[in-house]
Amino acid sequence: MPVTINGISYILDTSNNTASVTSKSPVYSGTIIIPSDISSNSINYSVTSIGDYAFYSCIGLTSITIPNSVTIIYQNAFHYCSGLTSITIPNSVTIIYQNAFRYCSSLSSVTFPNSVTIIGANAFLGDINLKTVIFTNPSNVTSVSSSVFYVTLGSQGSVTYYNTPSNNDLPVALKTYTYPSNTLIVYNDNAYIDGIVYVLDTSNNTASVTSKSPVYSGSIMIPSTVTYNLNNYSITSIGAQAFQSCTGLTSVTIPGSITIIGDYAFQGDTTLLNVYWSDPSNITSVSDSAFDETLGPQGSVTYYNTPSATLQKYSYPAGTIQLLM
């Protein structure tokens, strides 16, 4: 039978004088501070775990303090705590079970301390605002379920995982990049920087422009370099289908650092009027299909300084080249 002390309910284990936080009615809300020990009937108990479904669907819970006495966070402990904006996992917790923080949609960051060794399936699934995940000491982690971060911002390419234990079972959809000082940074294929999405290659510090959702629109000026998490990257290519079907895209400026334009890169951009190449002499490859089904086939798109031999060339003033398809 649970006991309630200062607004928090516990299940007591008299065999070893420990206590586990459990659910209650009405459910928890606001700010909750869990003590490291409690006293019931003149007996002291150490609070060592957050029990199954303890804070399940406590949508009014905004902040919680977990004491250093807690070693286990059980399954579904904070499932559907949509109002929880932050969580500090103490350096005593060793296991975080499945679904523990599932659908904590306001949670923006989480740090795993040295003590954590196991993170169960779907532990942070659906945390759509989770942007930063830090592993304090990845060498201590022995198991990370492949579904831990499904349907977070990671699936959209903008969650950052620092010090990730690369030799364990990482989420299969995530792409791993080397990060300074023998740590790892993990992205899901791409990174968002100033409204443009890139695939980063840390082996040679280059980046390729790629697609995004919602699609690009208006005037886009691609920089020649970007800085991301202390590393500088040269933008060397526009990937296949990067701007495909961007029907609101009106102009794009391509820097001299770019050498390759991939297949169907601008296909279907029916409002694209102007394409500017800062330095066409560096271009080595422009796909024949790069500008298919743009305004080009109607003769009204203008390509300045364009090097592509696949496009029909017309003279344009001041030593530039105007290309009309």
C-alpha atoms as a PDB file:
ATOM      1  CA  MET A   1       0.000   0.000   0.000  1.00  0.00           C
ATOM      2  CA  PRO A   2       1.500   3.346  -1.040  1.00  0.00           C
ATOM      3  CA  VAL A   3       2.159   6.044   1.516  1.00  0.00           C
ATOM      4  CA  THR A   4       1.951   9.736   0.732  1.00  0.00           C
ATOM      5  CA  ILE A   5       4.393  12.116   2.353  1.00  0.00           C
ATOM      6  CA  ASN A   6       4.474  15.849   1.565  1.00  0.00           C
ATOM      7  CA  GLY A   7       2.434  15.354  -1.596  1.00  0.00           C
ATOM      8  CA  ILE A   8       4.525  12.493  -3.054  1.00  0.00           C
ATOM      9  CA  SER A   9       3.436   8.846  -2.972  1.00  0.00           C
ATOM     10  CA  TYR A  10       5.853   5.978  -2.374  1.00  0.00           C
ATOM     11  CA  ILE A  11       5.894   2.221  -2.298  1.00  0.00           C
ATOM     12  CA  LEU A  12       8.013   1.121   0.647  1.00  0.00           C
ATOM     13  CA  ASP A  13      10.256  -1.930   0.731  1.00  0.00           C
ATOM     14  CA  THR A  14      10.715  -2.831   4.373  1.00  0.00           C
ATOM     15  CA  SER A  15      13.194  -5.601   3.551  1.00  0.00           C
ATOM     16  CA  ASN A  16      15.904  -3.094   2.663  1.00  0.00           C
ATOM     17  CA  ASN A  17      14.400   0.217   3.770  1.00  0.00           C
ATOM     18  CA  THR A  18      14.058   1.682   0.291  1.00  0.00           C
ATOM     19  CA  ALA A  19      11.242   3.605  -1.359  1.00  0.00           C
ATOM     20  CA  SER A  20      10.060   3.996  -4.943  1.00  0.00           C
ATOM     21  CA  VAL A  21       8.074   7.017  -6.117  1.00  0.00           C
ATOM     22  CA  THR A  22       4.691   5.934  -7.441  1.00  0.00           C
ATOM     23  CA  SER A  23       1.583   7.460  -9.003  1.00  0.00           C
ATOM     24  CA  LYS A  24      -1.191   9.197  -7.100  1.00  0.00           C
ATOM     25  CA  SER A  25      -4.615  10.757  -7.609  1.00  0.00           C
ATOM     26  CA  PRO A  26      -4.963  13.577  -8.328  1.00  0.00           C
ATOM     27  CA  VAL A  27      -1.849  13.402 -10.490  1.00  0.00           C
ATOM     28  CA  TYR A  28       1.292  15.431  -9.891  1.00  0.00           C
ATOM     29  CA  SER A  29       1.608  18.952 -11.270  1.00  0.00           C
ATOM     30  CA  GLY A  30       3.788  22.030 -11.032  1.00  0.00           C
ATOM     31  CA  THR A  31       7.229  21.690  -9.440  1.00  0.00           C
ATOM     32  CA  ILE A  32       8.075  18.444  -7.666  1.00  0.00           C
ATOM     33  CA  ILE A  33      11.166  18.003  -5.480  1.00  0.00           C
ATOM     34  CA  ILE A  34      11.783  14.379  -4.538  1.00  0.00           C
ATOM     35  CA  PRO A  35      13.749  13.963  -1.302  1.00  0.00           C
ATOM     36  CA  SER A  36      16.621  11.492  -1.002  1.00  0.00           C
ATOM     37  CA  ASP A  37      15.054   9.867   2.041  1.00  0.00           C
ATOM     38  CA  ILE A  38      11.761   9.787   3.866  1.00  0.00           C
ATOM     39  CA  SER A  39      10.481   8.613   7.228  1.00  0.00           C
ATOM     40  CA  SER A  40       7.382   6.513   7.789  1.00  0.00           C
ATOM     41  CA  ASN A  41       6.335   5.096  11.164  1.00  0.00           C
ATOM     42  CA  SER A  42       9.687   6.190  12.588  1.00  0.00           C
ATOM     43  CA  ILE A  43      11.566   4.161   9.962  1.00  0.00           C
ATOM     44  CA  ASN A  44      13.865   5.889   7.457  1.00  0.00           C
ATOM     45  CA  TYR A  45      13.741   4.884   3.801  1.00  0.00           C
ATOM     46  CA  SER A  46      16.115   5.792   0.991  1.00  0.00           C
ATOM     47  CA  VAL A  47      14.356   6.857  -2.223  1.00  0.00           C
ATOM     48  CA  THR A  48      16.090   4.716  -4.851  1.00  0.00           C
ATOM     49  CA  SER A  49      13.794   4.648  -7.867  1.00  0.00           C
ATOM     50  CA  ILE A  50      11.035   6.317  -9.881  1.00  0.00           C
ATOM     51  CA  GLY A  51       8.472   3.591 -10.360  1.00  0.00           C
ATOM     52  CA  ASP A  52       6.514   2.376 -13.390  1.00  0.00           C
ATOM     53  CA  TYR A  53       4.037   5.036 -14.575  1.00  0.00           C
ATOM     54  CA  ALA A  54       4.822   7.198 -11.539  1.00  0.00           C
ATOM     55  CA  PHE A  55       4.267  10.467 -13.404  1.00  0.00           C
ATOM     56  CA  TYR A  56       2.412   9.030 -16.382  1.00  0.00           C
ATOM     57  CA  SER A  57       0.369  11.675 -18.220  1.00  0.00           C
ATOM     58  CA  CYS A  58       1.094  14.360 -15.624  1.00  0.00           C
ATOM     59  CA  ILE A  59       0.683  17.068 -18.240  1.00  0.00           C
ATOM     60  CA  GLY A  60       0.771  19.796 -15.588  1.00  0.00           C
ATOM     61  CA  LEU A  61       4.189  18.719 -14.324  1.00  0.00           C
ATOM     62  CA  THR A  62       6.688  21.439 -15.297  1.00  0.00           C
ATOM     63  CA  SER A  63       9.777  20.716 -13.209  1.00  0.00           C
ATOM     64  CA  ILE A  64      11.127  17.844 -11.183  1.00  0.00           C
ATOM     65  CA  THR A  65      14.186  17.367  -8.996  1.00  0.00           C
ATOM     66  CA  ILE A  66      15.469  13.811  -8.704  1.00  0.00           C
ATOM     67  CA  PRO A  67      17.818  13.130  -5.764  1.00  0.00           C
ATOM     68  CA  ASN A  68      21.223  11.448  -5.986  1.00  0.00           C
ATOM     69  CA  SER A  69      19.806   8.453  -4.149  1.00  0.00           C
ATOM     70  CA  VAL A  70      17.786   7.358  -7.207  1.00  0.00           C
ATOM     71  CA  THR A  71      19.468   4.627  -9.282  1.00  0.00           C
ATOM     72  CA  ILE A  72      16.662   3.501 -11.614  1.00  0.00           C
ATOM     73  CA  ILE A  73      13.995   5.306 -13.615  1.00  0.00           C
ATOM     74  CA  TYR A  74      11.474   2.646 -14.525  1.00  0.00           C
ATOM     75  CA  GLN A  75       9.375   2.266 -17.655  1.00  0.00           C
ATOM     76  CA  ASN A  76       6.855   4.969 -18.540  1.00  0.00           C
ATOM     77  CA  ALA A  77       7.880   6.945 -15.466  1.00  0.00           C
ATOM     78  CA  PHE A  78       7.402  10.322 -17.212  1.00  0.00           C
ATOM     79  CA  HIS A  79       5.472   9.141 -20.265  1.00  0.00           C
ATOM     80  CA  TYR A  80       3.233  11.924 -21.648  1.00  0.00           C
ATOM     81  CA  CYS A  81       4.596  14.611 -19.312  1.00  0.00           C
ATOM     82  CA  SER A  82       4.088  17.165 -22.069  1.00  0.00           C
ATOM     83  CA  GLY A  83       4.653  20.169 -19.809  1.00  0.00           C
ATOM     84  CA  LEU A  84       8.047  19.036 -18.534  1.00  0.00           C
ATOM     85  CA  THR A  85      10.601  21.457 -19.994  1.00  0.00           C
ATOM     86  CA  SER A  86      13.811  20.169 -18.433  1.00  0.00           C
ATOM     87  CA  ILE A  87      15.159  17.180 -16.567  1.00  0.00           C
ATOM     88  CA  THR A  88      18.352  16.727 -14.582  1.00  0.00           C
ATOM     89  CA  ILE A  89      19.332  13.089 -14.277  1.00  0.00           C
ATOM     90  CA  PRO A  90      21.545  12.729 -11.193  1.00  0.00           C
ATOM     91  CA  ASN A  91      24.898  10.976 -11.266  1.00  0.00           C
ATOM     92  CA  SER A  92      23.428   7.972  -9.487  1.00  0.00           C
ATOM     93  CA  VAL A  93      20.968   6.744 -12.100  1.00  0.00           C
ATOM     94  CA  THR A  94      22.302   3.664 -13.899  1.00  0.00           C
ATOM     95  CA  ILE A  95      19.275   2.510 -15.908  1.00  0.00           C
ATOM     96  CA  ILE A  96      16.558   4.405 -17.744  1.00  0.00           C
ATOM     97  CA  TYR A  97      13.912   1.937 -18.813  1.00  0.00           C
ATOM     98  CA  GLN A  98      11.734   1.933 -21.917  1.00  0.00           C
ATOM     99  CA  ASN A  99       9.331   4.800 -22.569  1.00  0.00           C
ATOM    100  CA  ALA A 100      10.639   6.628 -19.506  1.00  0.00           C
ATOM    101  CA  PHE A 101      10.398  10.091 -21.112  1.00  0.00           C
ATOM    102  CA  ARG A 102       8.269   9.212 -24.107  1.00  0.00           C
ATOM    103  CA  TYR A 103       6.220  12.087 -25.561  1.00  0.00           C
ATOM    104  CA  CYS A 104       7.717  14.678 -23.244  1.00  0.00           C
ATOM    105  CA  SER A 105       7.069  17.138 -26.038  1.00  0.00           C
ATOM    106  CA  SER A 106       8.357  20.245 -24.212  1.00  0.00           C
ATOM    107  CA  LEU A 107      11.671  18.689 -23.211  1.00  0.00           C
ATOM    108  CA  SER A 108      14.481  20.517 -25.038  1.00  0.00           C
ATOM    109  CA  SER A 109      17.657  18.951 -23.644  1.00  0.00           C
ATOM    110  CA  VAL A 110      18.916  16.011 -21.624  1.00  0.00           C
ATOM    111  CA  THR A 111      22.298  15.166 -20.123  1.00  0.00           C
ATOM    112  CA  PHE A 112      23.224  11.601 -19.260  1.00  0.00           C
ATOM    113  CA  PRO A 113      25.676  11.534 -16.332  1.00  0.00           C
ATOM    114  CA  ASN A 114      28.637   9.182 -15.908  1.00  0.00           C
ATOM    115  CA  SER A 115      26.493   6.686 -14.027  1.00  0.00           C
ATOM    116  CA  VAL A 116      24.062   5.839 -16.857  1.00  0.00           C
ATOM    117  CA  THR A 117      24.826   2.510 -18.513  1.00  0.00           C
ATOM    118  CA  ILE A 118      21.537   1.477 -20.152  1.00  0.00           C
ATOM    119  CA  ILE A 119      18.863   3.485 -21.990  1.00  0.00           C
ATOM    120  CA  GLY A 120      15.817   1.467 -22.978  1.00  0.00           C
ATOM    121  CA  ALA A 121      13.631   1.377 -26.065  1.00  0.00           C
ATOM    122  CA  ASN A 122      11.635   4.505 -26.944  1.00  0.00           C
ATOM    123  CA  ALA A 123      12.921   6.259 -23.837  1.00  0.00           C
ATOM    124  CA  PHE A 124      12.698   9.669 -25.532  1.00  0.00           C
ATOM    125  CA  LEU A 125      10.459   8.784 -28.454  1.00  0.00           C
ATOM    126  CA  GLY A 126       8.237  11.627 -29.634  1.00  0.00           C
ATOM    127  CA  ASP A 127      10.101  14.392 -27.779  1.00  0.00           C
ATOM    128  CA  ILE A 128       9.635  16.709 -30.717  1.00  0.00           C
ATOM    129  CA  ASN A 129      11.433  19.684 -29.143  1.00  0.00           C
ATOM    130  CA  LEU A 130      14.470  17.756 -27.940  1.00  0.00           C
ATOM    131  CA  LYS A 131      17.449  19.602 -29.430  1.00  0.00           C
ATOM    132  CA  THR A 132      20.477  18.666 -27.342  1.00  0.00           C
ATOM    133  CA  VAL A 133      21.524  15.305 -25.908  1.00  0.00           C
ATOM    134  CA  ILE A 134      24.784  15.076 -23.964  1.00  0.00           C
ATOM    135  CA  PHE A 135      26.533  11.907 -22.799  1.00  0.00           C
ATOM    136  CA  THR A 136      28.940  12.970 -20.038  1.00  0.00           C
ATOM    137  CA  ASN A 137      31.032   9.828 -20.324  1.00  0.00           C
ATOM    138  CA  PRO A 138      30.048   7.644 -23.281  1.00  0.00           C
ATOM    139  CA  SER A 139      32.523   4.913 -22.376  1.00  0.00           C
ATOM    140  CA  ASN A 140      30.290   3.913 -19.466  1.00  0.00           C
ATOM    141  CA  VAL A 141      27.237   3.321 -21.644  1.00  0.00           C
ATOM    142  CA  THR A 142      26.779  -0.340 -22.491  1.00  0.00           C
ATOM    143  CA  SER A 143      23.406  -0.275 -24.251  1.00  0.00           C
ATOM    144  CA  VAL A 144      21.449   2.377 -26.145  1.00  0.00           C
ATOM    145  CA  SER A 145      18.323   1.073 -27.838  1.00  0.00           C
ATOM    146  CA  SER A 146      18.063   1.874 -31.544  1.00  0.00           C
ATOM    147  CA  SER A 147      14.651   3.471 -30.946  1.00  0.00           C
ATOM    148  CA  VAL A 148      15.617   5.770 -28.078  1.00  0.00           C
ATOM    149  CA  PHE A 149      15.293   9.006 -30.054  1.00  0.00           C
ATOM    150  CA  TYR A 150      12.713   8.122 -32.691  1.00  0.00           C
ATOM    151  CA  VAL A 151      10.418  10.968 -33.741  1.00  0.00           C
ATOM    152  CA  THR A 152      12.423  13.655 -31.949  1.00  0.00           C
ATOM    153  CA  LEU A 153      13.872  16.672 -33.701  1.00  0.00           C
ATOM    154  CA  GLY A 154      16.598  14.206 -34.666  1.00  0.00           C
ATOM    155  CA  SER A 155      14.348  12.775 -37.305  1.00  0.00           C
ATOM    156  CA  GLN A 156      14.193  16.263 -38.795  1.00  0.00           C
ATOM    157  CA  GLY A 157      17.944  16.677 -38.704  1.00  0.00           C
ATOM    158  CA  SER A 158      18.442  19.277 -36.007  1.00  0.00           C
ATOM    159  CA  VAL A 159      19.050  17.417 -32.770  1.00  0.00           C
ATOM    160  CA  THR A 160      22.682  17.323 -31.613  1.00  0.00           C
ATOM    161  CA  TYR A 161      24.130  14.396 -29.684  1.00  0.00           C
ATOM    162  CA  TYR A 162      27.405  15.151 -27.899  1.00  0.00           C
ATOM    163  CA  ASN A 163      29.851  12.455 -26.751  1.00  0.00           C
ATOM    164  CA  THR A 164      27.671   9.723 -28.185  1.00  0.00           C
ATOM    165  CA  PRO A 165      28.880   6.147 -27.551  1.00  0.00           C
ATOM    166  CA  SER A 166      29.533   5.153 -31.134  1.00  0.00           C
ATOM    167  CA  ASN A 167      30.321   1.505 -30.456  1.00  0.00           C
ATOM    168  CA  ASN A 168      26.936   0.819 -28.970  1.00  0.00           C
ATOM    169  CA  ASP A 169      23.554   0.368 -30.597  1.00  0.00           C
ATOM    170  CA  LEU A 170      22.930   3.899 -31.855  1.00  0.00           C
ATOM    171  CA  PRO A 171      19.691   4.877 -33.557  1.00  0.00           C
ATOM    172  CA  VAL A 172      20.071   3.365 -36.997  1.00  0.00           C
ATOM    173  CA  ALA A 173      18.685   6.434 -38.784  1.00  0.00           C
ATOM    174  CA  LEU A 174      21.350   8.730 -37.374  1.00  0.00           C
ATOM    175  CA  LYS A 175      24.589   9.606 -39.100  1.00  0.00           C
ATOM    176  CA  THR A 176      27.778   9.895 -37.044  1.00  0.00           C
ATOM    177  CA  TYR A 177      30.385  12.609 -37.417  1.00  0.00           C
ATOM    178  CA  THR A 178      33.669  13.104 -35.581  1.00  0.00           C
ATOM    179  CA  TYR A 179      33.634  15.914 -33.026  1.00  0.00           C
ATOM    180  CA  PRO A 180      36.723  17.566 -31.431  1.00  0.00           C
ATOM    181  CA  SER A 181      38.569  16.056 -28.459  1.00  0.00           C
ATOM    182  CA  ASN A 182      37.732  12.448 -29.278  1.00  0.00           C
ATOM    183  CA  THR A 183      34.002  12.930 -28.795  1.00  0.00           C
ATOM    184  CA  LEU A 184      31.299  12.326 -31.353  1.00  0.00           C
ATOM    185  CA  ILE A 185      28.525  14.481 -32.660  1.00  0.00           C
ATOM    186  CA  VAL A 186      25.573  12.731 -34.258  1.00  0.00           C
ATOM    187  CA  TYR A 187      23.054  14.139 -36.710  1.00  0.00           C
ATOM    188  CA  ASN A 188      20.301  12.608 -38.742  1.00  0.00           C
ATOM    189  CA  ASP A 189      21.913  13.103 -42.158  1.00  0.00           C
ATOM    190  CA  ASN A 190      21.806  16.885 -42.119  1.00  0.00           C
ATOM    191  CA  ALA A 191      22.139  20.094 -40.141  1.00  0.00           C
ATOM    192  CA  TYR A 192      20.057  23.277 -40.245  1.00  0.00           C
ATOM    193  CA  ILE A 193      22.092  26.488 -40.467  1.00  0.00           C
ATOM    194  CA  ASP A 194      20.485  29.882 -41.160  1.00  0.00           C
ATOM    195  CA  GLY A 195      17.541  28.390 -43.025  1.00  0.00           C
ATOM    196  CA  ILE A 196      19.561  26.080 -45.287  1.00  0.00           C
ATOM    197  CA  VAL A 197      20.044  22.365 -44.699  1.00  0.00           C
ATOM    198  CA  TYR A 198      23.405  20.688 -45.240  1.00  0.00           C
ATOM    199  CA  VAL A 199      24.861  17.222 -45.150  1.00  0.00           C
ATOM    200  CA  LEU A 200      28.174  17.612 -43.326  1.00  0.00           C
ATOM    201  CA  ASP A 201      31.254  15.543 -44.096  1.00  0.00           C
ATOM    202  CA  THR A 202      33.724  15.839 -41.248  1.00  0.00           C
ATOM    203  CA  SER A 203      36.312  13.677 -42.982  1.00  0.00           C
ATOM    204  CA  ASN A 204      37.190  16.643 -45.213  1.00  0.00           C
ATOM    205  CA  ASN A 205      35.145  19.499 -43.681  1.00  0.00           C
ATOM    206  CA  THR A 206      32.845  19.901 -46.659  1.00  0.00           C
ATOM    207  CA  ALA A 207      29.083  20.272 -46.871  1.00  0.00           C
ATOM    208  CA  SER A 208      26.390  19.678 -49.466  1.00  0.00           C
ATOM    209  CA  VAL A 209      23.112  21.577 -49.653  1.00  0.00           C
ATOM    210  CA  THR A 210      20.154  19.241 -49.301  1.00  0.00           C
ATOM    211  CA  SER A 211      16.363  19.404 -49.166  1.00  0.00           C
ATOM    212  CA  LYS A 212      14.263  20.468 -46.217  1.00  0.00           C
ATOM    213  CA  SER A 213      10.669  20.551 -45.056  1.00  0.00           C
ATOM    214  CA  PRO A 214       8.945  22.922 -45.505  1.00  0.00           C
ATOM    215  CA  VAL A 215      10.677  23.495 -48.830  1.00  0.00           C
ATOM    216  CA  TYR A 216      12.779  26.526 -49.707  1.00  0.00           C
ATOM    217  CA  SER A 217      11.097  29.687 -50.983  1.00  0.00           C
ATOM    218  CA  GLY A 218      11.927  33.269 -51.901  1.00  0.00           C
ATOM    219  CA  SER A 219      15.552  34.242 -52.573  1.00  0.00           C
ATOM    220  CA  ILE A 220      18.233  31.862 -51.345  1.00  0.00           C
ATOM    221  CA  MET A 221      21.873  32.903 -51.049  1.00  0.00           C
ATOM    222  CA  ILE A 222      24.081  29.879 -50.371  1.00  0.00           C
ATOM    223  CA  PRO A 223      27.247  30.820 -48.455  1.00  0.00           C
ATOM    224  CA  SER A 224      30.650  29.482 -49.426  1.00  0.00           C
ATOM    225  CA  THR A 225      31.346  28.298 -45.870  1.00  0.00           C
ATOM    226  CA  VAL A 226      29.421  27.556 -42.687  1.00  0.00           C
ATOM    227  CA  THR A 227      30.500  27.081 -39.100  1.00  0.00           C
ATOM    228  CA  TYR A 228      28.817  24.367 -37.110  1.00  0.00           C
ATOM    229  CA  ASN A 229      29.753  23.339 -33.574  1.00  0.00           C
ATOM    230  CA  LEU A 230      33.201  24.894 -33.801  1.00  0.00           C
ATOM    231  CA  ASN A 231      34.023  23.365 -37.203  1.00  0.00           C
ATOM    232  CA  ASN A 232      34.202  25.245 -40.519  1.00  0.00           C
ATOM    233  CA  TYR A 233      32.782  23.562 -43.624  1.00  0.00           C
ATOM    234  CA  SER A 234      33.216  24.510 -47.286  1.00  0.00           C
ATOM    235  CA  ILE A 235      29.991  24.239 -49.296  1.00  0.00           C
ATOM    236  CA  THR A 236      31.065  22.196 -52.328  1.00  0.00           C
ATOM    237  CA  SER A 237      27.872  20.817 -53.840  1.00  0.00           C
ATOM    238  CA  ILE A 238      24.109  21.031 -54.211  1.00  0.00           C
ATOM    239  CA  GLY A 239      22.741  17.558 -53.733  1.00  0.00           C
ATOM    240  CA  ALA A 240      20.266  15.679 -55.860  1.00  0.00           C
ATOM    241  CA  GLN A 241      16.722  17.034 -55.504  1.00  0.00           C
ATOM    242  CA  ALA A 242      17.888  19.646 -52.974  1.00  0.00           C
ATOM    243  CA  PHE A 243      15.520  22.340 -54.306  1.00  0.00           C
ATOM    244  CA  GLN A 244      13.168  20.062 -56.208  1.00  0.00           C
ATOM    245  CA  SER A 245       9.554  21.290 -56.408  1.00  0.00           C
ATOM    246  CA  CYS A 246      10.287  24.468 -54.458  1.00  0.00           C
ATOM    247  CA  THR A 247       7.473  26.264 -56.245  1.00  0.00           C
ATOM    248  CA  GLY A 248       7.967  29.429 -54.188  1.00  0.00           C
ATOM    249  CA  LEU A 249      11.685  29.732 -54.926  1.00  0.00           C
ATOM    250  CA  THR A 250      12.378  32.863 -57.002  1.00  0.00           C
ATOM    251  CA  SER A 251      16.176  33.148 -57.060  1.00  0.00           C
ATOM    252  CA  VAL A 252      19.300  31.394 -55.842  1.00  0.00           C
ATOM    253  CA  THR A 253      22.923  32.507 -55.551  1.00  0.00           C
ATOM    254  CA  ILE A 254      25.504  29.743 -55.902  1.00  0.00           C
ATOM    255  CA  PRO A 255      28.936  30.462 -54.357  1.00  0.00           C
ATOM    256  CA  GLY A 256      32.260  29.829 -56.050  1.00  0.00           C
ATOM    257  CA  SER A 257      33.015  27.017 -53.628  1.00  0.00           C
ATOM    258  CA  ILE A 258      30.380  24.769 -55.224  1.00  0.00           C
ATOM    259  CA  THR A 259      31.671  22.405 -57.893  1.00  0.00           C
ATOM    260  CA  ILE A 260      28.774  19.986 -58.405  1.00  0.00           C
ATOM    261  CA  ILE A 261      25.021  20.379 -58.973  1.00  0.00           C
ATOM    262  CA  GLY A 262      23.176  17.080 -58.583  1.00  0.00           C
ATOM    263  CA  ASP A 263      20.324  15.432 -60.460  1.00  0.00           C
ATOM    264  CA  TYR A 264      16.984  17.273 -60.404  1.00  0.00           C
ATOM    265  CA  ALA A 265      18.458  19.821 -57.981  1.00  0.00           C
ATOM    266  CA  PHE A 266      15.978  22.520 -59.078  1.00  0.00           C
ATOM    267  CA  GLN A 267      13.451  20.407 -60.952  1.00  0.00           C
ATOM    268  CA  GLY A 268       9.909  21.760 -60.879  1.00  0.00           C
ATOM    269  CA  ASP A 269      10.794  25.175 -59.448  1.00  0.00           C
ATOM    270  CA  THR A 270       8.160  26.923 -61.528  1.00  0.00           C
ATOM    271  CA  THR A 271       8.766  30.395 -60.075  1.00  0.00           C
ATOM    272  CA  LEU A 272      12.560  30.335 -60.269  1.00  0.00           C
ATOM    273  CA  LEU A 273      13.575  33.430 -62.251  1.00  0.00           C
ATOM    274  CA  ASN A 274      17.269  33.984 -61.541  1.00  0.00           C
ATOM    275  CA  VAL A 275      20.263  31.773 -60.791  1.00  0.00           C
ATOM    276  CA  TYR A 276      23.529  33.511 -59.934  1.00  0.00           C
ATOM    277  CA  TRP A 277      26.916  31.740 -60.021  1.00  0.00           C
ATOM    278  CA  SER A 278      29.593  33.658 -58.101  1.00  0.00           C
ATOM    279  CA  ASP A 279      32.488  31.906 -59.822  1.00  0.00           C
ATOM    280  CA  PRO A 280      31.553  29.500 -62.638  1.00  0.00           C
ATOM    281  CA  SER A 281      35.179  28.535 -63.272  1.00  0.00           C
ATOM    282  CA  ASN A 282      35.069  26.156 -60.289  1.00  0.00           C
ATOM    283  CA  ILE A 283      32.088  24.149 -61.542  1.00  0.00           C
ATOM    284  CA  THR A 284      33.015  20.649 -62.676  1.00  0.00           C
ATOM    285  CA  SER A 285      29.579  19.053 -63.066  1.00  0.00           C
ATOM    286  CA  VAL A 286      26.007  20.251 -63.580  1.00  0.00           C
ATOM    287  CA  SER A 287      23.456  17.487 -64.077  1.00  0.00           C
ATOM    288  CA  ASP A 288      21.457  17.626 -67.299  1.00  0.00           C
ATOM    289  CA  SER A 289      18.315  17.390 -65.199  1.00  0.00           C
ATOM    290  CA  ALA A 290      19.296  20.037 -62.632  1.00  0.00           C
ATOM    291  CA  PHE A 291      16.852  22.651 -63.942  1.00  0.00           C
ATOM    292  CA  ASP A 292      14.197  20.457 -65.529  1.00  0.00           C
ATOM    293  CA  GLU A 293      10.656  21.819 -65.468  1.00  0.00           C
ATOM    294  CA  THR A 294      11.620  25.224 -64.124  1.00  0.00           C
ATOM    295  CA  LEU A 295      10.676  28.452 -65.852  1.00  0.00           C
ATOM    296  CA  GLY A 296      13.719  27.693 -68.014  1.00  0.00           C
ATOM    297  CA  PRO A 297      11.785  25.638 -70.570  1.00  0.00           C
ATOM    298  CA  GLN A 298       9.526  28.667 -71.039  1.00  0.00           C
ATOM    299  CA  GLY A 299      12.539  30.849 -71.791  1.00  0.00           C
ATOM    300  CA  SER A 300      12.277  33.194 -68.812  1.00  0.00           C
ATOM    301  CA  VAL A 301      14.789  31.911 -66.278  1.00  0.00           C
ATOM    302  CA  THR A 302      18.155  33.670 -66.326  1.00  0.00           C
ATOM    303  CA  TYR A 303      21.382  31.928 -65.355  1.00  0.00           C
ATOM    304  CA  TYR A 304      24.223  34.372 -64.737  1.00  0.00           C
ATOM    305  CA  ASN A 305      27.822  33.166 -65.251  1.00  0.00           C
ATOM    306  CA  THR A 306      26.575  29.647 -65.835  1.00  0.00           C
ATOM    307  CA  PRO A 307      29.187  27.104 -66.967  1.00  0.00           C
ATOM    308  CA  SER A 308      26.887  24.241 -67.885  1.00  0.00           C
ATOM    309  CA  ALA A 309      27.439  22.876 -71.380  1.00  0.00           C
ATOM    310  CA  THR A 310      24.064  21.188 -71.177  1.00  0.00           C
ATOM    311  CA  LEU A 311      22.233  24.526 -71.283  1.00  0.00           C
ATOM    312  CA  GLN A 312      21.816  26.671 -74.394  1.00  0.00           C
ATOM    313  CA  LYS A 313      24.099  29.736 -74.138  1.00  0.00           C
ATOM    314  CA  TYR A 314      23.300  33.339 -75.008  1.00  0.00           C
ATOM    315  CA  SER A 315      25.585  36.354 -74.639  1.00  0.00           C
ATOM    316  CA  TYR A 316      24.803  38.596 -71.711  1.00  0.00           C
ATOM    317  CA  PRO A 317      26.297  42.037 -70.949  1.00  0.00           C
ATOM    318  CA  ALA A 318      29.551  42.689 -69.088  1.00  0.00           C
ATOM    319  CA  GLY A 319      31.213  39.356 -69.706  1.00  0.00           C
ATOM    320  CA  THR A 320      28.564  37.207 -68.054  1.00  0.00           C
ATOM    321  CA  ILE A 321      26.553  34.496 -69.722  1.00  0.00           C
ATOM    322  CA  GLN A 322      22.798  34.358 -69.852  1.00  0.00           C
ATOM    323  CA  LEU A 323      21.428  30.858 -70.344  1.00  0.00           C
ATOM    324  CA  LEU A 324      17.880  30.288 -71.504  1.00  0.00           C
ATOM    325  CA  MET A 325      16.500  26.796 -71.759  1.00  0.00           C
END
